[in-house]
């Protein structure tokens, strides 16, 4: 069976919000889990 390509991409604005959640020590475990999931959908930054 062929592997399905995941074409979902998190917006830059949502990724920024997710980064703030992950750096917040008071954020809940569920919030951090959701934020991490959102960031895994961001395309990798290429080297310049």
PDB file of N, CA and C in Angstrom:
ATOM      1  N   UNK A   1       0.843  -1.174   0.000  1.00  0.00           N
ATOM      2  CA  UNK A   1       0.000   0.000   0.000  1.00  0.00           C
ATOM      3  C   UNK A   1       0.893   1.243   0.000  1.00  0.00           C
ATOM      4  N   UNK A   2       0.578   2.196  -0.867  1.00  0.00           N
ATOM      5  CA  UNK A   2       1.373   3.411  -0.973  1.00  0.00           C
ATOM      6  C   UNK A   2       1.117   4.331   0.213  1.00  0.00           C
ATOM      7  N   UNK A   3       2.180   4.988   0.653  1.00  0.00           N
ATOM      8  CA  UNK A   3       2.043   5.914   1.775  1.00  0.00           C
ATOM      9  C   UNK A   3       1.357   7.186   1.286  1.00  0.00           C
ATOM     10  N   UNK A   4       0.379   7.648   2.052  1.00  0.00           N
ATOM     11  CA  UNK A   4      -0.365   8.844   1.700  1.00  0.00           C
ATOM     12  C   UNK A   4       0.459  10.076   2.042  1.00  0.00           C
ATOM     13  N   UNK A   5       0.518  11.032   1.143  1.00  0.00           N
ATOM     14  CA  UNK A   5       1.237  12.272   1.407  1.00  0.00           C
ATOM     15  C   UNK A   5       0.348  13.213   2.205  1.00  0.00           C
ATOM     16  N   UNK A   6       0.896  13.788   3.264  1.00  0.00           N
ATOM     17  CA  UNK A   6       0.138  14.723   4.090  1.00  0.00           C
ATOM     18  C   UNK A   6       0.355  16.117   3.537  1.00  0.00           C
ATOM     19  N   UNK A   7      -0.670  16.684   2.921  1.00  0.00           N
ATOM     20  CA  UNK A   7      -0.537  17.998   2.300  1.00  0.00           C
ATOM     21  C   UNK A   7      -0.992  19.125   3.224  1.00  0.00           C
ATOM     22  N   UNK A   8      -1.395  18.788   4.447  1.00  0.00           N
ATOM     23  CA  UNK A   8      -1.828  19.824   5.386  1.00  0.00           C
ATOM     24  C   UNK A   8      -0.619  20.608   5.882  1.00  0.00           C
ATOM     25  N   UNK A   9      -0.758  21.921   5.888  1.00  0.00           N
ATOM     26  CA  UNK A   9       0.328  22.777   6.351  1.00  0.00           C
ATOM     27  C   UNK A   9      -0.248  23.808   7.314  1.00  0.00           C
ATOM     28  N   UNK A  10       0.388  23.969   8.453  1.00  0.00           N
ATOM     29  CA  UNK A  10      -0.031  24.946   9.444  1.00  0.00           C
ATOM     30  C   UNK A  10       0.413  26.331   8.990  1.00  0.00           C
ATOM     31  N   UNK A  11      -0.451  27.317   9.139  1.00  0.00           N
ATOM     32  CA  UNK A  11      -0.108  28.687   8.734  1.00  0.00           C
ATOM     33  C   UNK A  11       1.002  29.248   9.616  1.00  0.00           C
ATOM     34  N   UNK A  12       1.666  30.277   9.112  1.00  0.00           N
ATOM     35  CA  UNK A  12       2.747  30.904   9.865  1.00  0.00           C
ATOM     36  C   UNK A  12       2.218  31.489  11.173  1.00  0.00           C
ATOM     37  N   UNK A  13       1.033  32.083  11.121  1.00  0.00           N
ATOM     38  CA  UNK A  13       0.434  32.690  12.315  1.00  0.00           C
ATOM     39  C   UNK A  13       0.133  31.618  13.369  1.00  0.00           C
ATOM     40  N   UNK A  14      -0.421  30.497  12.931  1.00  0.00           N
ATOM     41  CA  UNK A  14      -0.733  29.412  13.860  1.00  0.00           C
ATOM     42  C   UNK A  14       0.541  28.798  14.425  1.00  0.00           C
ATOM     43  N   UNK A  15       1.571  28.706  13.602  1.00  0.00           N
ATOM     44  CA  UNK A  15       2.840  28.155  14.074  1.00  0.00           C
ATOM     45  C   UNK A  15       3.470  29.059  15.126  1.00  0.00           C
ATOM     46  N   UNK A  16       3.337  30.365  14.950  1.00  0.00           N
ATOM     47  CA  UNK A  16       3.860  31.310  15.947  1.00  0.00           C
ATOM     48  C   UNK A  16       3.123  31.141  17.274  1.00  0.00           C
ATOM     49  N   UNK A  17       1.809  31.001  17.195  1.00  0.00           N
ATOM     50  CA  UNK A  17       1.017  30.801  18.405  1.00  0.00           C
ATOM     51  C   UNK A  17       1.411  29.493  19.087  1.00  0.00           C
ATOM     52  N   UNK A  18       1.638  28.459  18.292  1.00  0.00           N
ATOM     53  CA  UNK A  18       2.041  27.169  18.849  1.00  0.00           C
ATOM     54  C   UNK A  18       3.391  27.287  19.545  1.00  0.00           C
ATOM     55  N   UNK A  19       4.296  28.040  18.967  1.00  0.00           N
ATOM     56  CA  UNK A  19       5.599  28.246  19.582  1.00  0.00           C
ATOM     57  C   UNK A  19       5.488  28.947  20.928  1.00  0.00           C
ATOM     58  N   UNK A  20       4.568  29.918  21.015  1.00  0.00           N
ATOM     59  CA  UNK A  20       4.361  30.617  22.286  1.00  0.00           C
ATOM     60  C   UNK A  20       3.787  29.669  23.341  1.00  0.00           C
ATOM     61  N   UNK A  21       2.881  28.787  22.914  1.00  0.00           N
ATOM     62  CA  UNK A  21       2.307  27.812  23.853  1.00  0.00           C
ATOM     63  C   UNK A  21       3.404  26.897  24.384  1.00  0.00           C
ATOM     64  N   UNK A  22       4.267  26.410  23.495  1.00  0.00           N
ATOM     65  CA  UNK A  22       5.320  25.482  23.915  1.00  0.00           C
ATOM     66  C   UNK A  22       6.331  26.138  24.845  1.00  0.00           C
ATOM     67  N   UNK A  23       6.539  27.441  24.697  1.00  0.00           N
ATOM     68  CA  UNK A  23       7.513  28.111  25.563  1.00  0.00           C
ATOM     69  C   UNK A  23       6.890  28.612  26.862  1.00  0.00           C
ATOM     70  N   UNK A  24       5.571  28.458  27.002  1.00  0.00           N
ATOM     71  CA  UNK A  24       4.877  28.898  28.213  1.00  0.00           C
ATOM     72  C   UNK A  24       4.906  27.771  29.252  1.00  0.00           C
ATOM     73  N   UNK A  25       5.596  27.983  30.371  1.00  0.00           N
ATOM     74  CA  UNK A  25       5.672  26.915  31.379  1.00  0.00           C
ATOM     75  C   UNK A  25       4.331  26.607  32.049  1.00  0.00           C
ATOM     76  N   UNK A  26       3.363  27.506  31.946  1.00  0.00           N
ATOM     77  CA  UNK A  26       2.058  27.290  32.569  1.00  0.00           C
ATOM     78  C   UNK A  26       1.051  26.636  31.622  1.00  0.00           C
ATOM     79  N   UNK A  27       1.431  26.389  30.373  1.00  0.00           N
ATOM     80  CA  UNK A  27       0.517  25.770  29.416  1.00  0.00           C
ATOM     81  C   UNK A  27       0.255  24.319  29.817  1.00  0.00           C
ATOM     82  N   UNK A  28      -0.974  23.867  29.581  1.00  0.00           N
ATOM     83  CA  UNK A  28      -1.338  22.506  29.955  1.00  0.00           C
ATOM     84  C   UNK A  28      -0.666  21.487  29.032  1.00  0.00           C
ATOM     85  N   UNK A  29      -0.627  20.266  29.491  1.00  0.00           N
ATOM     86  CA  UNK A  29      -0.030  19.181  28.712  1.00  0.00           C
ATOM     87  C   UNK A  29      -0.774  19.010  27.384  1.00  0.00           C
ATOM     88  N   UNK A  30      -2.104  19.120  27.417  1.00  0.00           N
ATOM     89  CA  UNK A  30      -2.908  18.982  26.194  1.00  0.00           C
ATOM     90  C   UNK A  30      -2.623  20.115  25.215  1.00  0.00           C
ATOM     91  N   UNK A  31      -2.468  21.335  25.735  1.00  0.00           N
ATOM     92  CA  UNK A  31      -2.178  22.478  24.873  1.00  0.00           C
ATOM     93  C   UNK A  31      -0.823  22.303  24.194  1.00  0.00           C
ATOM     94  N   UNK A  32       0.151  21.826  24.967  1.00  0.00           N
ATOM     95  CA  UNK A  32       1.483  21.611  24.394  1.00  0.00           C
ATOM     96  C   UNK A  32       1.473  20.489  23.362  1.00  0.00           C
ATOM     97  N   UNK A  33       0.664  19.471  23.604  1.00  0.00           N
ATOM     98  CA  UNK A  33       0.550  18.372  22.654  1.00  0.00           C
ATOM     99  C   UNK A  33      -0.044  18.864  21.330  1.00  0.00           C
ATOM    100  N   UNK A  34      -1.089  19.677  21.417  1.00  0.00           N
ATOM    101  CA  UNK A  34      -1.723  20.221  20.210  1.00  0.00           C
ATOM    102  C   UNK A  34      -0.765  21.163  19.470  1.00  0.00           C
ATOM    103  N   UNK A  35      -0.027  21.963  20.228  1.00  0.00           N
ATOM    104  CA  UNK A  35       0.922  22.892  19.614  1.00  0.00           C
ATOM    105  C   UNK A  35       2.041  22.131  18.903  1.00  0.00           C
ATOM    106  N   UNK A  36       2.529  21.086  19.534  1.00  0.00           N
ATOM    107  CA  UNK A  36       3.573  20.270  18.902  1.00  0.00           C
ATOM    108  C   UNK A  36       3.068  19.613  17.639  1.00  0.00           C
ATOM    109  N   UNK A  37       1.842  19.162  17.660  1.00  0.00           N
ATOM    110  CA  UNK A  37       1.237  18.545  16.478  1.00  0.00           C
ATOM    111  C   UNK A  37       1.138  19.561  15.343  1.00  0.00           C
ATOM    112  N   UNK A  38       0.751  20.784  15.672  1.00  0.00           N
ATOM    113  CA  UNK A  38       0.640  21.827  14.650  1.00  0.00           C
ATOM    114  C   UNK A  38       2.003  22.127  14.033  1.00  0.00           C
ATOM    115  N   UNK A  39       3.036  22.162  14.868  1.00  0.00           N
ATOM    116  CA  UNK A  39       4.366  22.482  14.349  1.00  0.00           C
ATOM    117  C   UNK A  39       4.947  21.373  13.481  1.00  0.00           C
ATOM    118  N   UNK A  40       4.526  20.146  13.699  1.00  0.00           N
ATOM    119  CA  UNK A  40       5.046  19.068  12.858  1.00  0.00           C
ATOM    120  C   UNK A  40       4.493  19.163  11.448  1.00  0.00           C
ATOM    121  N   UNK A  41       3.443  19.939  11.256  1.00  0.00           N
ATOM    122  CA  UNK A  41       2.863  20.112   9.925  1.00  0.00           C
ATOM    123  C   UNK A  41       3.459  21.306   9.188  1.00  0.00           C
ATOM    124  N   UNK A  42       4.373  22.054   9.828  1.00  0.00           N
ATOM    125  CA  UNK A  42       5.031  23.171   9.151  1.00  0.00           C
ATOM    126  C   UNK A  42       6.124  22.617   8.245  1.00  0.00           C
ATOM    127  N   UNK A  43       6.293  23.194   7.061  1.00  0.00           N
ATOM    128  CA  UNK A  43       7.403  22.745   6.213  1.00  0.00           C
ATOM    129  C   UNK A  43       8.731  23.111   6.867  1.00  0.00           C
ATOM    130  N   UNK A  44       9.736  22.298   6.628  1.00  0.00           N
ATOM    131  CA  UNK A  44      11.056  22.561   7.201  1.00  0.00           C
ATOM    132  C   UNK A  44      11.643  23.829   6.592  1.00  0.00           C
ATOM    133  N   UNK A  45      12.399  24.541   7.406  1.00  0.00           N
ATOM    134  CA  UNK A  45      13.087  25.729   6.883  1.00  0.00           C
ATOM    135  C   UNK A  45      14.288  25.273   6.077  1.00  0.00           C
ATOM    136  N   UNK A  46      14.453  25.820   4.889  1.00  0.00           N
ATOM    137  CA  UNK A  46      15.614  25.492   4.071  1.00  0.00           C
ATOM    138  C   UNK A  46      16.797  26.339   4.477  1.00  0.00           C
ATOM    139  N   UNK A  47      17.994  25.835   4.217  1.00  0.00           N
ATOM    140  CA  UNK A  47      19.191  26.626   4.524  1.00  0.00           C
ATOM    141  C   UNK A  47      19.339  27.715   3.482  1.00  0.00           C
ATOM    142  N   UNK A  48      19.726  28.898   3.948  1.00  0.00           N
ATOM    143  CA  UNK A  48      19.884  30.027   3.020  1.00  0.00           C
ATOM    144  C   UNK A  48      21.328  30.239   2.687  1.00  0.00           C
TER     145      UNK A  48
END
